[in-house]
Protein backbone atom coordinates (compact mmCIF):
# COMPACT_ATOMS: atom_id res chain seq x y z
CA UNK A 1 77.73 -32.03 164.30
CA UNK A 2 75.60 -35.05 163.86
CA UNK A 3 71.99 -34.63 162.15
CA UNK A 4 68.86 -35.89 163.11
CA UNK A 5 67.46 -38.69 160.61
CA UNK A 6 64.77 -41.12 159.97
CA UNK A 7 65.30 -44.18 157.26
CA UNK A 8 61.93 -44.76 155.32
CA UNK A 9 59.69 -42.25 157.19
CA UNK A 10 57.07 -40.27 155.25
CA UNK A 11 56.95 -41.34 151.42
CA UNK A 12 59.30 -44.04 152.14
CA UNK A 13 56.52 -46.23 153.79
CA UNK A 14 54.86 -48.69 151.23
CA UNK A 15 51.48 -48.86 152.87
CA UNK A 16 50.18 -51.19 149.94
CA UNK A 17 52.77 -53.87 150.24
CA UNK A 18 52.68 -53.75 154.20
CA UNK A 19 48.98 -54.46 154.04
CA UNK A 20 48.99 -56.93 151.38
CA UNK A 21 51.66 -59.07 153.35
CA UNK A 22 49.42 -59.05 156.28
CA UNK A 23 46.22 -59.80 154.67
CA UNK A 24 47.81 -63.09 153.21
CA UNK A 25 48.48 -64.16 157.00
CA UNK A 26 45.10 -63.05 157.72
CA UNK A 27 43.78 -65.13 154.71
CA UNK A 28 45.47 -68.36 155.46
CA UNK A 29 42.32 -69.85 157.18
CA UNK A 30 40.11 -69.00 154.02
CA UNK A 31 42.56 -70.51 151.98
CA UNK A 32 42.18 -73.70 154.15
CA UNK A 33 38.70 -73.53 153.45
CA UNK A 34 38.81 -73.08 150.05
CA UNK A 35 41.25 -76.19 149.71
CA UNK A 36 38.83 -78.05 151.98
CA UNK A 37 35.85 -77.14 149.99
CA UNK A 38 37.83 -78.38 146.67
CA UNK A 39 37.98 -81.73 148.41
CA UNK A 40 34.51 -81.79 149.27
CA UNK A 41 33.42 -81.13 145.86
CA UNK A 42 35.85 -83.78 144.42
CA UNK A 43 34.44 -86.32 146.76
CA UNK A 44 30.69 -85.57 145.84
CA UNK A 45 31.46 -85.65 142.11
CA UNK A 46 33.15 -88.81 143.06
CA UNK A 47 30.53 -90.28 144.85
CA UNK A 48 27.90 -89.31 141.78
CA UNK A 49 29.84 -91.17 139.40
CA UNK A 50 29.90 -94.23 141.53
CA UNK A 51 25.94 -93.82 142.27
CA UNK A 52 25.66 -93.81 138.46
CA UNK A 53 27.74 -96.97 137.75
CA UNK A 54 25.83 -98.72 140.79
CA UNK A 55 22.41 -97.64 138.86
CA UNK A 56 23.77 -99.32 135.54
CA UNK A 57 24.65 -102.51 137.71
CA UNK A 58 20.88 -102.44 139.36
CA UNK A 59 19.67 -102.26 135.77
CA UNK A 60 21.77 -105.01 134.51
CA UNK A 61 20.61 -107.33 137.58
CA UNK A 62 16.87 -106.32 137.05
CA UNK A 63 17.11 -107.60 133.23
CA UNK A 64 19.04 -110.68 134.58
CA UNK A 65 16.26 -111.60 137.10
CA UNK A 66 13.37 -110.42 134.82
CA UNK A 67 10.71 -113.33 133.99
CA UNK A 68 10.52 -112.09 130.58
CA UNK A 69 14.31 -112.61 129.65
CA UNK A 70 14.25 -116.35 130.59
CA UNK A 71 10.64 -117.07 128.80
CA UNK A 72 12.36 -115.06 125.43
CA UNK A 73 11.86 -117.38 122.56
CA UNK A 74 13.96 -116.88 119.21
CA UNK A 75 12.51 -118.57 115.76
CA UNK A 76 15.13 -119.48 112.86
CA UNK A 77 14.55 -120.61 109.79
CA UNK A 78 16.82 -123.23 107.68
CA UNK A 79 16.25 -120.87 104.58
CA UNK A 80 15.80 -117.39 105.33
CA UNK A 81 15.74 -116.79 101.53
CA UNK A 82 12.70 -119.08 101.40
CA UNK A 83 11.00 -118.28 104.42
CA UNK A 84 11.72 -115.59 107.06
CA UNK A 85 10.44 -115.89 110.49
CA UNK A 86 10.05 -113.98 113.55
CA UNK A 87 8.78 -114.49 117.17
CA UNK A 88 7.06 -112.71 119.92
CA UNK A 89 8.00 -113.27 123.67
CA UNK A 90 6.92 -116.51 124.99
CA UNK A 91 5.94 -118.31 121.79
CA UNK A 92 5.73 -121.97 122.69
CA UNK A 93 9.26 -124.00 121.64
CA UNK A 94 8.67 -126.28 118.67
CA UNK A 95 9.66 -127.08 114.83
CA UNK A 96 7.58 -126.76 111.76
CA UNK A 97 7.87 -127.72 108.21
CA UNK A 98 7.09 -125.10 105.84
CA UNK A 99 6.75 -126.12 102.14
CA UNK A 100 5.73 -123.01 99.96
CA UNK A 101 3.71 -123.83 96.89
CA UNK A 102 2.84 -120.30 95.38
CA UNK A 103 3.45 -116.70 96.69
CA UNK A 104 0.28 -114.25 96.82
CA UNK A 105 0.38 -112.05 94.22
CA UNK A 106 -1.47 -108.51 92.92
CA UNK A 107 -3.28 -108.28 89.59
CA UNK A 108 -1.40 -105.89 87.26
CA UNK A 109 -3.15 -105.00 83.80
CA UNK A 110 -2.00 -102.49 81.21
CA UNK A 111 -3.42 -100.35 78.46
CA UNK A 112 -2.11 -100.10 74.60
CA UNK A 113 0.34 -97.79 73.50
CA UNK A 114 -0.34 -93.86 73.55
CA UNK A 115 1.86 -91.21 71.93
CA UNK A 116 3.09 -90.00 75.47
CA UNK A 117 1.87 -89.10 79.16
CA UNK A 118 0.33 -86.09 77.77
CA UNK A 119 -2.02 -87.90 75.04
CA UNK A 120 -5.87 -86.84 75.60
CA UNK A 121 -8.36 -89.52 76.23
CA UNK A 122 -11.60 -87.25 76.87
CA UNK A 123 -13.87 -86.92 79.58
CA UNK A 124 -16.11 -89.27 81.71
CA UNK A 125 -15.82 -91.69 84.72
CA UNK A 126 -13.80 -94.60 85.46
CA UNK A 127 -15.08 -97.04 88.11
CA UNK A 128 -12.70 -99.32 89.94
CA UNK A 129 -14.24 -102.23 91.64
CA UNK A 130 -12.19 -104.66 93.82
CA UNK A 131 -13.26 -108.23 94.05
CA UNK A 132 -12.33 -112.18 92.72
CA UNK A 133 -12.33 -113.41 89.23
CA UNK A 134 -13.30 -117.01 88.88
CA UNK A 135 -12.56 -119.55 88.02
CA UNK A 136 -8.79 -118.86 87.13
CA UNK A 137 -7.33 -119.07 84.75
CA UNK A 138 -10.29 -118.48 82.53
CA UNK A 139 -12.75 -116.65 84.49
CA UNK A 140 -16.34 -116.70 83.78
CA UNK A 141 -17.49 -114.33 86.91
CA UNK A 142 -16.64 -111.43 89.32
CA UNK A 143 -17.40 -111.59 92.92
CA UNK A 144 -17.19 -108.20 94.53
CA UNK A 145 -14.94 -107.92 97.94
CA UNK A 146 -17.07 -108.13 100.77
CA UNK A 147 -17.20 -105.07 102.71
CA UNK A 148 -16.01 -103.22 99.51
CA UNK A 149 -17.69 -100.68 97.25
CA UNK A 150 -17.13 -99.58 93.90
CA UNK A 151 -14.91 -95.98 93.60
CA UNK A 152 -15.87 -93.77 90.76
CA UNK A 153 -13.58 -91.18 89.56
CA UNK A 154 -14.59 -88.25 87.44
CA UNK A 155 -12.25 -87.14 84.68
CA UNK A 156 -12.92 -83.39 84.00
CA UNK A 157 -11.93 -81.10 81.10
CA UNK A 158 -8.27 -80.55 83.10
CA UNK A 159 -7.85 -84.24 83.96
CA UNK A 160 -7.95 -85.79 80.29
CA UNK A 161 -4.45 -86.34 80.10
CA UNK A 162 -2.93 -89.65 80.69
CA UNK A 163 -0.67 -88.17 83.38
CA UNK A 164 -3.31 -86.81 85.06
CA UNK A 165 -5.52 -89.72 84.68
CA UNK A 166 -2.58 -91.73 86.53
CA UNK A 167 -3.02 -89.22 89.17
CA UNK A 168 -6.59 -89.02 89.77
CA UNK A 169 -6.76 -92.86 90.32
CA UNK A 170 -3.67 -92.56 92.45
CA UNK A 171 -5.73 -90.16 94.84
CA UNK A 172 -8.85 -91.96 94.68
CA UNK A 173 -8.11 -94.89 97.25
CA UNK A 174 -9.55 -97.56 95.08
CA UNK A 175 -7.28 -100.21 96.17
CA UNK A 176 -5.10 -99.42 92.65
CA UNK A 177 -1.88 -98.14 92.01
CA UNK A 178 -1.39 -96.44 88.47
CA UNK A 179 1.92 -95.88 86.81
CA UNK A 180 2.95 -94.92 83.37
CA UNK A 181 5.36 -97.22 81.76
CA UNK A 182 7.07 -96.32 78.51
CA UNK A 183 8.49 -98.88 75.93
CA UNK A 184 9.44 -99.06 72.21
CA UNK A 185 5.57 -98.58 71.17
CA UNK A 186 4.41 -95.59 73.43
CA UNK A 187 3.29 -94.89 77.00
CA UNK A 188 0.86 -97.62 78.74
CA UNK A 189 -1.00 -96.88 81.59
CA UNK A 190 -0.48 -99.86 84.14
CA UNK A 191 -2.75 -100.54 87.08
CA UNK A 192 -2.11 -102.97 89.95
CA UNK A 193 -3.68 -103.88 92.71
CA UNK A 194 -2.26 -102.36 96.02
CA UNK A 195 -2.57 -105.41 97.90
CA UNK A 196 -1.94 -108.86 96.99
CA UNK A 197 -4.72 -111.96 97.37
CA UNK A 198 -7.28 -113.21 94.98
CA UNK A 199 -9.83 -110.94 96.75
CA UNK A 200 -7.96 -107.99 95.77
CA UNK A 201 -8.06 -108.40 92.02
CA UNK A 202 -10.41 -105.57 90.34
CA UNK A 203 -12.31 -104.54 87.12
CA UNK A 204 -12.67 -101.00 85.40
CA UNK A 205 -15.54 -99.75 83.70
CA UNK A 206 -15.23 -96.56 81.65
CA UNK A 207 -18.27 -94.09 80.88
CA UNK A 208 -17.47 -91.24 78.17
CA UNK A 209 -18.76 -88.10 78.40
CA UNK A 210 -19.30 -88.33 74.95
CA UNK A 211 -19.04 -91.78 73.62
CA UNK A 212 -17.69 -92.03 70.32
CA UNK A 213 -18.63 -95.82 69.86
CA UNK A 214 -15.10 -97.10 69.63
CA UNK A 215 -13.99 -99.19 72.46
CA UNK A 216 -10.06 -98.42 72.08
CA UNK A 217 -10.55 -94.69 72.14
CA UNK A 218 -10.92 -92.18 74.70
CA UNK A 219 -11.73 -93.23 78.26
CA UNK A 220 -13.10 -96.78 76.92
CA UNK A 221 -9.32 -97.55 76.51
CA UNK A 222 -8.80 -98.13 80.01
CA UNK A 223 -11.97 -100.44 80.57
CA UNK A 224 -11.04 -103.94 82.07
CA UNK A 225 -12.68 -107.30 82.46
CA UNK A 226 -11.13 -110.67 82.84
CA UNK A 227 -14.54 -112.01 81.23
CA UNK A 228 -14.66 -111.70 77.60
CA UNK A 229 -13.12 -108.80 75.32
CA UNK A 230 -11.30 -106.06 77.19
CA UNK A 231 -9.44 -102.89 75.99
CA UNK A 232 -6.52 -103.42 79.22
CA UNK A 233 -4.44 -106.72 78.83
CA UNK A 234 -3.98 -108.75 82.20
CA UNK A 235 -0.20 -109.59 82.69
CA UNK A 236 -0.61 -110.79 86.34
CA UNK A 237 -3.21 -112.71 88.11
CA UNK A 238 -4.38 -111.85 91.55
CA UNK A 239 -3.43 -114.86 93.69
CA UNK A 240 -3.20 -116.41 97.53
CA UNK A 241 -0.25 -117.82 98.60
CA UNK A 242 -0.45 -121.49 99.26
CA UNK A 243 1.43 -123.18 101.50
CA UNK A 244 1.76 -126.52 103.99
CA UNK A 245 2.69 -126.08 107.46
CA UNK A 246 3.41 -129.52 109.08
CA UNK A 247 1.45 -131.10 106.09
CA UNK A 248 -1.71 -128.98 106.77
CA UNK A 249 -2.82 -126.54 103.72
CA UNK A 250 -2.68 -123.01 103.99
CA UNK A 251 -4.08 -120.27 101.86
CA UNK A 252 -3.43 -116.56 102.59
CA UNK A 253 -3.98 -113.27 100.47
CA UNK A 254 -0.55 -112.18 102.04
CA UNK A 255 2.91 -113.48 101.44
CA UNK A 256 3.33 -112.85 105.43
CA UNK A 257 1.26 -115.27 107.57
CA UNK A 258 0.77 -113.92 111.02
CA UNK A 259 -0.81 -115.63 113.70
CA UNK A 260 -1.39 -118.81 111.66
CA UNK A 261 1.35 -120.56 113.89
CA UNK A 262 0.79 -118.86 117.31
CA UNK A 263 3.25 -116.38 118.23
CA UNK A 264 4.85 -116.72 114.97
CA UNK A 265 5.10 -114.50 111.81
CA UNK A 266 6.32 -116.51 108.81
CA UNK A 267 7.50 -114.45 105.61
CA UNK A 268 6.72 -116.58 102.50
CA UNK A 269 9.73 -115.20 99.82
CA UNK A 270 10.32 -118.24 97.48
CA UNK A 271 8.43 -121.43 96.00
CA UNK A 272 10.37 -124.45 97.51
CA UNK A 273 10.56 -128.09 96.34
CA UNK A 274 10.89 -129.44 99.62
CA UNK A 275 9.78 -128.17 103.09
CA UNK A 276 12.10 -125.34 104.97
CA UNK A 277 12.91 -126.36 108.96
CA UNK A 278 11.63 -123.62 111.24
CA UNK A 279 12.45 -123.98 114.97
CA UNK A 280 11.36 -121.83 117.84
CA UNK A 281 13.52 -122.37 121.11
CA UNK A 282 14.93 -120.43 123.92
CA UNK A 283 16.94 -117.16 123.30
CA UNK A 284 20.10 -118.39 124.70
CA UNK A 285 22.10 -115.73 122.89
CA UNK A 286 19.82 -112.91 125.16
CA UNK A 287 20.70 -114.50 128.21
CA UNK A 288 23.83 -114.74 127.48
CA UNK A 289 24.04 -111.10 126.51
CA UNK A 290 22.53 -110.17 129.92
CA UNK A 291 25.12 -112.50 132.01
CA UNK A 292 27.90 -110.35 129.94
CA UNK A 293 26.47 -106.88 130.70
CA UNK A 294 25.73 -108.04 134.39
CA UNK A 295 29.44 -108.75 134.72
CA UNK A 296 30.50 -105.98 132.98
CA UNK A 297 28.33 -103.56 135.33
CA UNK A 298 29.94 -105.18 138.01
CA UNK A 299 33.35 -104.60 136.71
CA UNK A 300 32.71 -100.87 136.08
CA UNK A 301 31.72 -100.32 139.59
CA UNK A 302 34.59 -102.69 141.08
CA UNK A 303 37.05 -100.85 138.72
CA UNK A 304 35.94 -97.26 139.92
CA UNK A 305 36.20 -98.54 143.46
CA UNK A 306 39.70 -99.80 143.16
CA UNK A 307 40.80 -96.49 141.33
CA UNK A 308 39.12 -94.05 143.84
CA UNK A 309 40.27 -96.06 146.87
CA UNK A 310 44.22 -97.13 146.06
CA UNK A 311 47.17 -95.46 147.43
CA UNK A 312 49.83 -94.43 145.13
CA UNK A 313 53.14 -94.89 146.74
CA UNK A 314 55.34 -92.91 144.57
CA UNK A 315 53.07 -89.76 145.15
CA UNK A 316 52.36 -90.45 148.65
CA UNK A 317 48.62 -89.64 147.70
CA UNK A 318 45.49 -91.62 148.11
CA UNK A 319 42.33 -91.93 145.88
CA UNK A 320 39.65 -89.59 146.47
CA UNK A 321 37.51 -91.95 148.34
CA UNK A 322 40.48 -93.85 150.12
CA UNK A 323 38.94 -94.28 153.66
CA UNK A 324 35.47 -93.43 152.85
CA UNK A 325 33.45 -95.83 155.18
CA UNK A 326 30.27 -96.04 152.67
CA UNK A 327 32.41 -96.90 149.63
CA UNK A 328 34.62 -99.37 151.66
CA UNK A 329 31.40 -101.14 153.21
CA UNK A 330 29.69 -101.26 149.60
CA UNK A 331 33.07 -102.75 148.13
CA UNK A 332 33.03 -105.65 150.74
CA UNK A 333 29.03 -106.36 150.41
CA UNK A 334 29.79 -106.87 146.40
CA UNK A 335 32.36 -109.01 147.08
CA UNK A 336 30.79 -111.03 149.81
CA UNK A 337 27.45 -111.20 147.53
CA UNK A 338 29.42 -112.83 144.58
CA UNK A 339 31.28 -115.39 146.87
CA UNK A 340 28.65 -116.70 148.95
CA UNK A 341 27.02 -119.83 147.83
CA UNK A 342 23.18 -120.31 146.64
CA UNK A 343 21.09 -123.14 147.11
CA UNK A 344 18.53 -121.85 144.51
CA UNK A 345 19.69 -124.08 141.93
CA UNK A 346 19.99 -127.89 142.52
CA UNK A 347 22.75 -128.19 139.90
CA UNK A 348 24.77 -124.75 140.06
CA UNK A 349 25.58 -123.47 143.52
CA UNK A 350 28.13 -120.82 142.74
CA UNK A 351 28.80 -118.47 139.83
CA UNK A 352 32.32 -120.24 139.58
CA UNK A 353 30.27 -123.04 138.36
CA UNK A 354 29.39 -121.09 135.27
CA UNK A 355 32.53 -119.63 134.66
CA UNK A 356 32.42 -116.46 136.55
CA UNK A 357 35.22 -115.62 139.11
CA UNK A 358 37.29 -113.03 140.45
CA UNK A 359 40.64 -111.70 139.09
CA UNK A 360 43.27 -110.68 141.36
CA UNK A 361 42.21 -106.78 140.45
CA UNK A 362 38.87 -107.45 142.20
CA UNK A 363 36.93 -107.48 138.73
CA UNK A 364 35.18 -110.44 137.39
CA UNK A 365 36.40 -112.76 134.62
CA UNK A 366 33.71 -115.01 132.49
CA UNK A 367 34.85 -118.26 130.88
CA UNK A 368 33.02 -118.81 127.82
CA UNK A 369 33.46 -122.57 127.84
CA UNK A 370 31.58 -123.00 131.14
CA UNK A 371 28.96 -120.50 130.35
CA UNK A 372 28.24 -122.54 127.08
CA UNK A 373 27.83 -125.83 128.98
CA UNK A 374 25.51 -123.68 131.73
CA UNK A 375 23.34 -122.40 128.71
CA UNK A 376 22.50 -125.85 127.74
CA UNK A 377 20.72 -126.33 131.19
CA UNK A 378 18.47 -123.09 130.80
CA UNK A 379 15.91 -123.80 133.79
CA UNK A 380 18.77 -124.46 136.42
CA UNK A 381 20.53 -121.06 135.22
CA UNK A 382 17.42 -119.14 135.61
CA UNK A 383 17.24 -120.46 139.05
CA UNK A 384 21.17 -119.34 139.92
CA UNK A 385 20.51 -116.08 138.88
CA UNK A 386 16.53 -115.01 139.23
CA UNK A 387 15.23 -116.89 142.04
CA UNK A 388 13.55 -114.82 144.70
CA UNK A 389 14.08 -116.77 147.93
CA UNK A 390 13.02 -116.32 151.13
CA UNK A 391 16.52 -115.33 152.28
CA UNK A 392 20.15 -114.52 150.62
CA UNK A 393 20.92 -118.29 150.62
CA UNK A 394 18.20 -119.32 148.75
CA UNK A 395 18.07 -116.64 146.28
CA UNK A 396 19.53 -116.13 142.90
CA UNK A 397 22.40 -113.61 142.33
CA UNK A 398 20.95 -111.63 140.22
CA UNK A 399 18.25 -111.19 142.65
CA UNK A 400 20.33 -110.36 145.56
CA UNK A 401 22.16 -107.53 143.81
CA UNK A 402 18.81 -106.06 142.37
CA UNK A 403 17.97 -106.12 146.67
CA UNK A 404 21.37 -104.70 147.47
CA UNK A 405 21.25 -102.00 144.61
CA UNK A 406 17.71 -101.11 145.81
CA UNK A 407 18.61 -100.73 149.43
CA UNK A 408 21.64 -98.62 148.91
CA UNK A 409 20.14 -96.35 145.74
CA UNK A 410 16.85 -95.83 147.87
CA UNK A 411 15.58 -92.70 149.13
CA UNK A 412 16.92 -93.49 152.70
CA UNK A 413 19.97 -95.63 151.23
CA UNK A 414 23.64 -94.98 151.75
CA UNK A 415 24.13 -93.08 148.38
CA UNK A 416 21.67 -90.18 149.37
CA UNK A 417 23.00 -90.07 153.14
CA UNK A 418 26.48 -89.49 151.78
CA UNK A 419 25.44 -86.95 149.15
CA UNK A 420 23.37 -85.34 151.79
CA UNK A 421 26.52 -85.15 154.39
CA UNK A 422 28.86 -83.84 151.63
CA UNK A 423 26.39 -81.04 150.54
CA UNK A 424 25.59 -80.15 154.09
CA UNK A 425 29.54 -79.84 154.60
CA UNK A 426 29.74 -77.83 151.31
CA UNK A 427 27.12 -75.33 152.45
CA UNK A 428 28.59 -74.91 156.03
CA UNK A 429 32.22 -74.39 154.28
CA UNK A 430 30.57 -72.08 151.77
CA UNK A 431 29.16 -69.84 154.76
CA UNK A 432 32.27 -69.85 156.67
CA UNK A 433 33.88 -68.40 153.40
CA UNK A 434 31.43 -65.63 153.17
CA UNK A 435 31.52 -65.07 156.54
CA UNK A 436 35.53 -64.99 156.72
CA UNK A 437 35.58 -62.89 153.52
CA UNK A 438 33.35 -60.21 155.04
CA UNK A 439 35.62 -60.15 158.18
CA UNK A 440 38.79 -59.92 156.01
CA UNK A 441 37.40 -57.23 154.08
CA UNK A 442 36.69 -55.09 157.43
CA UNK A 443 40.18 -56.37 158.69
CA UNK A 444 42.05 -54.76 155.53
CA UNK A 445 40.05 -51.62 156.03
CA UNK A 446 41.09 -51.07 159.07
CA UNK A 447 44.50 -51.94 158.76
CA UNK A 448 44.72 -49.51 155.63
CA UNK A 449 43.41 -46.61 157.70
CA UNK A 450 46.06 -47.64 160.63
CA UNK A 451 48.79 -47.65 158.22
CA UNK A 452 47.64 -44.60 156.18
CA UNK A 453 47.28 -42.57 159.74
CA UNK A 454 50.86 -44.11 160.62
CA UNK A 455 52.22 -42.84 157.48
CA UNK A 456 50.77 -39.25 157.66
CA UNK A 457 52.09 -39.10 161.27
CA UNK A 458 55.60 -40.33 160.05
CA UNK A 459 55.45 -37.67 157.27
CA UNK A 460 55.08 -34.88 160.01
CA UNK A 461 57.84 -36.45 161.72
CA UNK A 462 59.98 -36.03 158.79
CA UNK A 463 58.88 -32.66 158.24
CA UNK A 464 60.01 -31.86 161.96
CA UNK A 465 63.13 -33.52 161.91
CA UNK A 466 63.97 -31.42 158.73
CA UNK A 467 63.15 -28.41 160.25
CA UNK A 468 65.34 -29.38 163.45
CA UNK A 469 68.13 -30.06 161.53
CA UNK A 470 67.99 -26.73 159.65
CA UNK A 471 67.81 -24.82 162.91
CA UNK A 472 70.71 -26.86 164.65
CA UNK A 473 72.90 -25.81 161.19
CA UNK A 474 71.84 -22.16 161.67
CA UNK A 475 73.03 -22.18 165.32
CA UNK A 476 76.19 -23.90 164.40
CA UNK A 477 77.40 -21.67 161.73
CA UNK A 478 76.40 -18.48 164.00
CA UNK A 479 78.68 -20.12 167.10
CA UNK A 480 81.38 -20.62 164.76
CA UNK A 481 81.50 -16.86 163.77
């Protein structure tokens, strides 16, 4: 007799698999939202990178339109080894013949030889005074330096060694530097003026705590005077630098002549037999660099827009910013600003006339030979880039781009508007995802409860089926008997 059966009833029902498959269908809208957010995040990042490049381009335009760039000068020396030169911005153009007759020097004196740096000289005081000896080279008098005062150094019982005396002098700030020089005869104390110049010479007087009456012993051995007998020997005379600038005699305590020529700093390095030519002129190298930076910054923007908006026929995919109206509008504005002529200069009417033009890929190329010629007429080149005209037509190109960048990068500009829009879309998307995830959790819980109840009911039916089958089998057996 046929039996009653139900395939898959009870333990055969895979509730987890069923719920999982159903939830994958329910979650498809969430997946679409997640994909949409990923696209929005990518666009926001791409817009941010474009904004950064545009900011760099704005800075390049600002630099090229700045007054300081076009007033910047550079000084050059025909013989840097003999005369170094530097200038400040705005230094007037000119040329100068610099003849170096002598260099500034610092006074140097040295003591007799001692047995070593540990040799003891005794207690007392040393007094150092800055000033000038005159007349040189055989002085008869000493004139104290104006505004200066003698410095007295006390040599105590723990300071009597040659090394300790050196350290005490160096710590005193007396305008003199002390060092120990070792030669074949022994250790010598050498004193040198901290600064060059005739007025920075010095004399040293010594007072011994116990005077032995012998000038060459004790602290007396460190006394110095350029007049008469002295214990320390002078090996270098303090002297001013002497020079002629355009035939005018110059004397300086330092080898650095700062302000002798307004805006120039001259550094005397060697005595010369003939004048060294020093020139000051417009810094065309700085202008060239600013123009090159301007072109490079434009190309960074143009190249990035090209990459982000192109269509790849092979993959049939467009760039992240393809079709973005803000980006395509910016691209159009950049190109139009470059190609529109300018009346700011009476010599140059377009960038192509100084060697700047478009390539096929939308970036700019710079032809150095044309720019070299244009740099020879700096005033007109200045007008072409930096003129702030009443309208676009009468304005320079750097000024145009500065205004354009300021407009689109401002608080109410296109970039902020686009960023705000994308951020709002991302926020809305995130909120919808959160809401949908909550609904999906409730849906999963409901489905799981329903299928678990179904599983229980089917288990009961399976048990009933088994019971009926057994009863029918028993009845059949009884009947056959």
